[in-house]
Protein backbone atom coordinates (compact mmCIF):
# COMPACT_ATOMS: atom_id res chain seq x y z
CA MET A 1 69.83 74.88 92.28
CA ALA A 2 73.40 73.47 90.99
CA LYS A 3 76.52 72.56 92.99
CA SER A 4 78.08 75.37 91.06
CA ALA A 5 75.74 78.67 91.54
CA LYS A 6 75.71 77.42 95.44
CA ARG A 7 79.02 77.05 96.12
CA LEU A 8 78.75 80.83 94.46
CA ASN A 9 75.46 82.09 96.39
CA ALA A 10 77.61 80.60 99.63
CA SER A 11 80.49 83.14 99.52
CA ALA A 12 78.56 85.83 98.67
CA GLY A 13 77.62 86.80 101.80
CA ARG A 14 81.84 86.96 103.26
CA ALA A 15 83.64 90.16 102.90
CA LYS A 16 86.78 89.34 101.89
CA ARG A 17 90.09 90.04 103.06
CA PRO A 18 93.19 91.26 101.87
CA LEU A 19 96.16 89.22 100.58
CA ASN A 20 98.42 90.02 102.93
CA ALA A 21 96.20 90.19 105.71
CA GLY A 22 97.06 87.53 107.97
CA ALA A 23 99.49 87.53 111.40
CA GLY A 24 103.32 88.00 110.63
CA ILE A 25 102.97 88.92 107.34
CA GLU A 26 105.97 92.08 106.26
CA SER A 27 105.35 93.56 103.52
CA ALA A 28 107.99 93.25 101.10
CA PRO A 29 111.29 96.11 100.89
CA GLU A 30 111.04 98.61 99.22
CA LYS A 31 113.68 98.09 95.55
CA ALA A 32 115.51 99.90 94.56
CA PRO A 33 114.95 102.14 90.92
CA ILE A 34 115.56 100.50 87.83
CA GLY A 35 117.57 102.21 85.14
CA ARG A 36 120.25 104.69 84.45
CA PRO A 37 120.57 107.60 87.38
CA PRO A 38 119.28 111.07 85.76
CA LEU A 39 121.92 113.15 84.07
CA GLU A 40 123.20 116.31 85.73
CA GLU A 41 121.32 119.50 84.39
CA LYS A 42 124.37 120.59 82.33
CA ALA A 43 124.79 117.00 80.65
CA ARG A 44 122.05 116.62 79.63
CA ARG A 45 121.23 116.59 75.61
CA THR A 46 118.33 118.02 74.75
CA ILE A 47 118.46 120.45 72.00
CA MET A 48 117.62 118.17 68.23
CA VAL A 49 119.30 119.56 65.42
CA ARG A 50 118.43 118.47 61.64
CA VAL A 51 120.84 118.00 58.83
CA LEU A 52 119.99 117.53 55.79
CA THR A 53 121.69 115.65 53.20
CA SER A 54 122.56 113.72 49.70
CA LYS A 55 123.10 110.52 49.86
CA ALA A 56 125.90 110.46 48.56
CA GLU A 57 126.67 112.41 52.09
CA TYR A 58 125.24 110.01 53.92
CA ALA A 59 127.18 106.86 52.87
CA GLU A 60 130.17 108.84 53.91
CA MET A 61 130.07 109.85 56.95
CA LEU A 62 128.30 106.94 57.90
CA LYS A 63 131.05 104.87 56.54
CA ALA A 64 133.51 107.06 58.76
CA ALA A 65 130.83 106.96 61.99
CA GLU A 66 131.44 102.89 61.20
CA ALA A 67 135.45 103.32 61.49
CA ALA A 68 135.63 105.48 64.41
CA GLY A 69 133.15 102.53 66.25
CA VAL A 70 130.18 105.23 67.16
CA GLY A 71 126.56 105.75 65.69
CA ILE A 72 126.71 109.03 63.44
CA SER A 73 124.47 111.73 64.98
CA THR A 74 127.76 110.22 67.48
CA TRP A 75 130.23 110.90 65.08
CA MET A 76 128.54 114.36 63.79
CA ARG A 77 128.80 116.20 66.87
CA VAL A 78 131.72 115.06 67.66
CA VAL A 79 133.35 116.49 64.58
CA ALA A 80 131.07 119.88 65.18
CA LEU A 81 132.42 120.66 68.29
CA LYS A 82 136.81 119.85 66.87
CA GLU A 83 135.62 123.02 64.41
CA ALA A 84 133.82 125.01 66.06
CA ARG A 85 136.56 124.98 68.86
CA ARG A 86 138.75 125.66 66.05
CA GLY A 87 137.54 129.42 65.81
CA PRO A 88 135.56 131.24 63.11
CA GLY A 89 136.74 130.56 60.43
CA ALA A 90 137.91 126.86 60.29
CA VAL A 91 135.19 126.68 58.18
């Protein structure tokens, strides 16, 4: 019988013990969750609004968003809310 086969047979009858089953070994402290904390229910944005535009309209809105230093979704939300809060007949 080869040496590696003898080694396998010899270890087959032994019971394996868990890695942390030693005297004086304590479990690691629980880590804090990673990531940002969840938003309050009223602050969550869960509704998606799709808007169809032409290429020219999209380019115009993208240029305005970049000039404002925000993404196009944020820019569209801010502009739409500003207009909505002006009152009826604003458009």
